[in-house]
């Protein structure tokens, strides 16, 4: 399996640090979890980033939900650092990942 600098939990922490909660979503008190898939390449870079499951919004807030989905994609695109690539048969190999990105308002 590929290794992100700092360990498995660090990738989620790094994504959350990159995440910008859209102001319209905060104002609407819209929260939720987005699932983003990507591939860690043989060179340790992130590629093929896709939205697997986005925020579901009530009628009238669809545009706000799209902003949240785009913010989650951007957070993964801007993930700092390179991964140590995964290996298969002793050689570097591309490995798919799916991670959750959580939008939660502070209480």
N, C-alpha and C. Protein backbone atom coordinates (compact mmCIF):
# COMPACT_ATOMS: atom_id res chain seq x y z
N UNK A 1 0.85 -1.19 0.00
CA UNK A 1 0.00 0.00 0.00
C UNK A 1 0.89 1.25 0.00
N UNK A 2 0.41 2.31 -0.64
CA UNK A 2 1.15 3.58 -0.59
C UNK A 2 1.17 4.12 0.83
N UNK A 3 2.15 4.96 1.10
CA UNK A 3 2.30 5.53 2.44
C UNK A 3 2.36 7.05 2.31
N UNK A 4 1.47 7.75 3.03
CA UNK A 4 1.49 9.21 3.06
C UNK A 4 2.40 9.66 4.20
N UNK A 5 3.21 10.72 3.98
CA UNK A 5 4.11 11.19 5.05
C UNK A 5 3.34 11.44 6.35
N UNK A 6 3.78 10.81 7.41
CA UNK A 6 3.13 10.97 8.71
C UNK A 6 2.18 9.83 9.06
N UNK A 7 1.91 8.98 8.11
CA UNK A 7 1.07 7.82 8.41
C UNK A 7 -0.34 7.92 7.87
N UNK A 8 -1.11 6.85 8.03
CA UNK A 8 -2.46 6.77 7.46
C UNK A 8 -3.42 7.87 7.91
N UNK A 9 -3.40 8.22 9.17
CA UNK A 9 -4.30 9.25 9.66
C UNK A 9 -3.93 10.65 9.18
N UNK A 10 -2.69 10.84 8.81
CA UNK A 10 -2.21 12.15 8.41
C UNK A 10 -2.84 12.61 7.09
N UNK A 11 -3.16 11.69 6.20
CA UNK A 11 -3.77 12.09 4.93
C UNK A 11 -5.13 12.75 5.18
N UNK A 12 -5.93 12.22 6.09
CA UNK A 12 -7.22 12.82 6.40
C UNK A 12 -7.04 14.18 7.06
N UNK A 13 -6.07 14.29 7.95
CA UNK A 13 -5.77 15.57 8.60
C UNK A 13 -5.33 16.60 7.57
N UNK A 14 -4.47 16.20 6.64
CA UNK A 14 -3.97 17.11 5.61
C UNK A 14 -5.11 17.58 4.70
N UNK A 15 -6.01 16.68 4.34
CA UNK A 15 -7.15 17.06 3.49
C UNK A 15 -8.04 18.05 4.24
N UNK A 16 -8.33 17.78 5.51
CA UNK A 16 -9.18 18.68 6.29
C UNK A 16 -8.55 20.07 6.41
N UNK A 17 -7.22 20.14 6.52
CA UNK A 17 -6.54 21.44 6.59
C UNK A 17 -6.67 22.20 5.27
N UNK A 18 -6.72 21.49 4.15
CA UNK A 18 -6.84 22.11 2.83
C UNK A 18 -8.29 22.49 2.51
N UNK A 19 -9.23 21.95 3.26
CA UNK A 19 -10.65 22.11 2.97
C UNK A 19 -11.15 23.51 3.34
N UNK A 20 -11.83 24.13 2.39
CA UNK A 20 -12.46 25.44 2.63
C UNK A 20 -13.97 25.24 2.61
N UNK A 21 -14.59 25.44 3.77
CA UNK A 21 -16.03 25.27 3.91
C UNK A 21 -16.70 26.47 3.24
N UNK A 22 -17.47 26.28 2.18
CA UNK A 22 -18.10 27.42 1.51
C UNK A 22 -18.99 28.22 2.46
N UNK A 23 -18.90 29.54 2.36
CA UNK A 23 -19.67 30.42 3.24
C UNK A 23 -21.18 30.18 3.09
N UNK A 24 -21.63 29.95 1.88
CA UNK A 24 -23.06 29.69 1.66
C UNK A 24 -23.50 28.42 2.37
N UNK A 25 -22.64 27.43 2.43
CA UNK A 25 -22.97 26.18 3.12
C UNK A 25 -23.04 26.40 4.63
N UNK A 26 -22.11 27.21 5.15
CA UNK A 26 -22.17 27.53 6.58
C UNK A 26 -23.45 28.28 6.91
N UNK A 27 -23.77 29.27 6.07
CA UNK A 27 -24.98 30.08 6.31
C UNK A 27 -26.24 29.21 6.28
N UNK A 28 -26.24 28.21 5.40
CA UNK A 28 -27.40 27.31 5.29
C UNK A 28 -27.34 26.17 6.30
N UNK A 29 -26.25 26.13 7.09
CA UNK A 29 -26.03 25.07 8.08
C UNK A 29 -26.04 23.68 7.42
N UNK A 30 -25.48 23.62 6.21
CA UNK A 30 -25.42 22.36 5.47
C UNK A 30 -24.14 21.62 5.85
N UNK A 31 -24.29 20.38 6.27
CA UNK A 31 -23.18 19.53 6.68
C UNK A 31 -23.27 18.21 5.93
N UNK A 32 -22.21 17.44 6.01
CA UNK A 32 -22.25 16.12 5.40
C UNK A 32 -20.88 15.57 5.10
N UNK A 33 -20.87 14.45 4.43
CA UNK A 33 -19.63 13.75 4.11
C UNK A 33 -19.60 13.50 2.61
N UNK A 34 -18.42 13.75 2.03
CA UNK A 34 -18.17 13.54 0.62
C UNK A 34 -17.14 12.41 0.51
N UNK A 35 -17.28 11.57 -0.50
CA UNK A 35 -16.29 10.52 -0.72
C UNK A 35 -15.58 10.80 -2.03
N UNK A 36 -14.26 10.91 -1.95
CA UNK A 36 -13.42 11.22 -3.09
C UNK A 36 -12.52 10.01 -3.38
N UNK A 37 -12.46 9.62 -4.65
CA UNK A 37 -11.54 8.54 -5.03
C UNK A 37 -10.39 9.16 -5.83
N UNK A 38 -9.25 8.51 -5.75
CA UNK A 38 -8.08 8.94 -6.50
C UNK A 38 -7.12 7.77 -6.60
N UNK A 39 -6.10 7.95 -7.42
CA UNK A 39 -5.08 6.92 -7.60
C UNK A 39 -3.75 7.50 -7.16
N UNK A 40 -3.02 6.75 -6.33
CA UNK A 40 -1.64 7.10 -6.01
C UNK A 40 -0.80 6.39 -7.07
N UNK A 41 -0.12 7.19 -7.90
CA UNK A 41 0.63 6.64 -9.04
C UNK A 41 1.91 5.95 -8.60
N UNK A 42 2.56 5.35 -9.58
CA UNK A 42 3.85 4.68 -9.34
C UNK A 42 4.92 5.67 -8.88
N UNK A 43 4.70 6.96 -9.14
CA UNK A 43 5.66 8.00 -8.75
C UNK A 43 5.28 8.66 -7.42
N UNK A 44 4.16 8.25 -6.83
CA UNK A 44 3.75 8.80 -5.54
C UNK A 44 2.91 10.06 -5.65
N UNK A 45 2.42 10.37 -6.84
CA UNK A 45 1.56 11.54 -7.01
C UNK A 45 0.10 11.10 -7.01
N UNK A 46 -0.79 12.07 -6.80
CA UNK A 46 -2.23 11.80 -6.79
C UNK A 46 -2.78 12.12 -8.17
N UNK A 47 -3.58 11.19 -8.72
CA UNK A 47 -4.10 11.34 -10.07
C UNK A 47 -5.53 10.80 -10.10
N UNK A 48 -6.25 11.13 -11.15
CA UNK A 48 -7.60 10.61 -11.41
C UNK A 48 -8.54 10.85 -10.23
N UNK A 49 -8.59 12.07 -9.77
CA UNK A 49 -9.43 12.45 -8.63
C UNK A 49 -10.88 12.56 -9.10
N UNK A 50 -11.78 11.86 -8.39
CA UNK A 50 -13.19 11.84 -8.77
C UNK A 50 -14.08 11.91 -7.54
N UNK A 51 -15.24 12.51 -7.73
CA UNK A 51 -16.28 12.53 -6.70
C UNK A 51 -17.04 11.21 -6.80
N UNK A 52 -17.00 10.43 -5.72
CA UNK A 52 -17.73 9.16 -5.71
C UNK A 52 -19.14 9.35 -5.15
N UNK A 53 -19.22 10.12 -4.06
CA UNK A 53 -20.52 10.39 -3.45
C UNK A 53 -20.46 11.79 -2.86
N UNK A 54 -21.39 12.63 -3.28
CA UNK A 54 -21.38 14.01 -2.83
C UNK A 54 -22.42 14.30 -1.76
N UNK A 55 -22.48 15.56 -1.40
CA UNK A 55 -23.45 16.05 -0.42
C UNK A 55 -24.85 16.01 -1.04
N UNK A 56 -25.80 15.52 -0.29
CA UNK A 56 -27.20 15.58 -0.70
C UNK A 56 -27.81 16.81 -0.04
N UNK A 57 -28.47 17.63 -0.84
CA UNK A 57 -29.00 18.88 -0.31
C UNK A 57 -30.51 18.93 -0.50
N UNK A 58 -31.19 19.61 0.41
CA UNK A 58 -32.62 19.82 0.23
C UNK A 58 -32.88 20.70 -0.99
N UNK A 59 -34.07 20.67 -1.50
CA UNK A 59 -34.44 21.49 -2.65
C UNK A 59 -34.09 22.95 -2.38
N UNK A 60 -33.48 23.55 -3.38
CA UNK A 60 -33.08 24.95 -3.27
C UNK A 60 -31.63 25.14 -2.85
N UNK A 61 -31.00 24.08 -2.34
CA UNK A 61 -29.61 24.18 -1.89
C UNK A 61 -28.66 23.34 -2.75
N UNK A 62 -29.12 22.93 -3.93
CA UNK A 62 -28.29 22.09 -4.79
C UNK A 62 -26.98 22.77 -5.18
N UNK A 63 -27.03 24.08 -5.47
CA UNK A 63 -25.82 24.82 -5.87
C UNK A 63 -24.82 24.88 -4.71
N UNK A 64 -25.33 25.00 -3.50
CA UNK A 64 -24.47 25.03 -2.32
C UNK A 64 -23.80 23.67 -2.13
N UNK A 65 -24.55 22.60 -2.34
CA UNK A 65 -23.99 21.24 -2.24
C UNK A 65 -22.90 21.05 -3.28
N UNK A 66 -23.11 21.56 -4.50
CA UNK A 66 -22.07 21.46 -5.54
C UNK A 66 -20.80 22.19 -5.11
N UNK A 67 -20.96 23.34 -4.45
CA UNK A 67 -19.79 24.08 -3.95
C UNK A 67 -19.02 23.24 -2.94
N UNK A 68 -19.73 22.55 -2.08
CA UNK A 68 -19.09 21.70 -1.08
C UNK A 68 -18.36 20.55 -1.75
N UNK A 69 -18.99 19.92 -2.75
CA UNK A 69 -18.36 18.83 -3.48
C UNK A 69 -17.09 19.31 -4.16
N UNK A 70 -17.14 20.49 -4.78
CA UNK A 70 -15.97 21.06 -5.45
C UNK A 70 -14.87 21.39 -4.45
N UNK A 71 -15.25 21.87 -3.27
CA UNK A 71 -14.26 22.18 -2.23
C UNK A 71 -13.54 20.91 -1.78
N UNK A 72 -14.27 19.81 -1.67
CA UNK A 72 -13.65 18.54 -1.28
C UNK A 72 -12.68 18.06 -2.36
N UNK A 73 -13.08 18.17 -3.62
CA UNK A 73 -12.19 17.79 -4.72
C UNK A 73 -10.92 18.65 -4.71
N UNK A 74 -11.08 19.94 -4.49
CA UNK A 74 -9.93 20.85 -4.46
C UNK A 74 -8.99 20.52 -3.31
N UNK A 75 -9.54 20.13 -2.16
CA UNK A 75 -8.71 19.79 -1.01
C UNK A 75 -7.82 18.58 -1.32
N UNK A 76 -8.35 17.61 -2.03
CA UNK A 76 -7.55 16.44 -2.40
C UNK A 76 -6.54 16.82 -3.48
N UNK A 77 -6.97 17.64 -4.46
CA UNK A 77 -6.05 18.10 -5.52
C UNK A 77 -4.85 18.83 -4.93
N UNK A 78 -5.07 19.59 -3.85
CA UNK A 78 -4.03 20.41 -3.25
C UNK A 78 -3.32 19.74 -2.08
N UNK A 79 -3.48 18.46 -1.95
CA UNK A 79 -2.85 17.70 -0.88
C UNK A 79 -1.33 17.89 -0.94
N UNK A 80 -0.72 18.38 0.14
CA UNK A 80 0.72 18.62 0.09
C UNK A 80 1.53 17.33 0.20
N UNK A 81 2.73 17.36 -0.36
CA UNK A 81 3.65 16.22 -0.24
C UNK A 81 3.35 15.10 -1.20
N UNK A 82 4.31 14.23 -1.33
CA UNK A 82 4.18 13.04 -2.18
C UNK A 82 4.05 11.80 -1.32
N UNK A 83 3.38 10.82 -1.85
CA UNK A 83 3.25 9.53 -1.21
C UNK A 83 4.46 8.67 -1.55
N UNK A 84 4.74 7.70 -0.70
CA UNK A 84 5.66 6.63 -1.07
C UNK A 84 4.78 5.64 -1.83
N UNK A 85 5.12 5.36 -3.09
CA UNK A 85 4.22 4.51 -3.90
C UNK A 85 4.04 3.10 -3.32
N UNK A 86 2.90 2.52 -3.64
CA UNK A 86 2.66 1.13 -3.29
C UNK A 86 3.50 0.24 -4.20
N UNK A 87 3.62 -1.01 -3.82
CA UNK A 87 4.40 -1.95 -4.63
C UNK A 87 3.59 -3.22 -4.85
N UNK A 88 3.83 -3.79 -6.02
CA UNK A 88 3.26 -5.10 -6.33
C UNK A 88 4.36 -5.89 -7.01
N UNK A 89 4.68 -7.03 -6.45
CA UNK A 89 5.77 -7.83 -6.98
C UNK A 89 7.11 -7.12 -6.87
N UNK A 90 7.25 -6.27 -5.83
CA UNK A 90 8.50 -5.55 -5.61
C UNK A 90 8.68 -4.32 -6.47
N UNK A 91 7.72 -4.02 -7.35
CA UNK A 91 7.82 -2.86 -8.23
C UNK A 91 6.75 -1.84 -7.88
N UNK A 92 7.03 -0.53 -8.02
CA UNK A 92 6.01 0.49 -7.76
C UNK A 92 4.76 0.25 -8.60
N UNK A 93 3.60 0.46 -7.99
CA UNK A 93 2.33 0.21 -8.67
C UNK A 93 1.33 1.30 -8.31
N UNK A 94 0.44 1.61 -9.24
CA UNK A 94 -0.65 2.54 -8.98
C UNK A 94 -1.69 1.86 -8.09
N UNK A 95 -2.17 2.61 -7.09
CA UNK A 95 -3.13 2.04 -6.14
C UNK A 95 -4.30 3.00 -5.96
N UNK A 96 -5.54 2.51 -6.13
CA UNK A 96 -6.70 3.38 -5.93
C UNK A 96 -7.02 3.55 -4.44
N UNK A 97 -7.55 4.72 -4.11
CA UNK A 97 -7.96 5.06 -2.75
C UNK A 97 -9.30 5.74 -2.80
N UNK A 98 -10.08 5.62 -1.74
CA UNK A 98 -11.28 6.42 -1.53
C UNK A 98 -11.22 6.91 -0.10
N UNK A 99 -11.42 8.23 0.07
CA UNK A 99 -11.39 8.79 1.42
C UNK A 99 -12.63 9.64 1.66
N UNK A 100 -13.05 9.73 2.94
CA UNK A 100 -14.15 10.61 3.28
C UNK A 100 -13.62 12.01 3.58
N UNK A 101 -14.40 13.01 3.18
CA UNK A 101 -14.10 14.40 3.53
C UNK A 101 -15.34 14.92 4.24
N UNK A 102 -15.18 15.35 5.48
CA UNK A 102 -16.31 15.71 6.31
C UNK A 102 -16.46 17.22 6.45
N UNK A 103 -17.67 17.68 6.22
CA UNK A 103 -18.03 19.08 6.48
C UNK A 103 -18.89 19.08 7.74
N UNK A 104 -18.37 19.65 8.80
CA UNK A 104 -19.11 19.69 10.07
C UNK A 104 -18.95 21.07 10.69
N UNK A 105 -20.06 21.65 11.09
CA UNK A 105 -20.04 22.95 11.74
C UNK A 105 -19.63 22.80 13.19
N UNK A 106 -18.84 23.74 13.66
CA UNK A 106 -18.41 23.73 15.06
C UNK A 106 -19.61 24.07 15.95
N UNK A 107 -19.69 23.42 17.08
CA UNK A 107 -20.82 23.68 18.00
C UNK A 107 -20.42 24.71 19.02
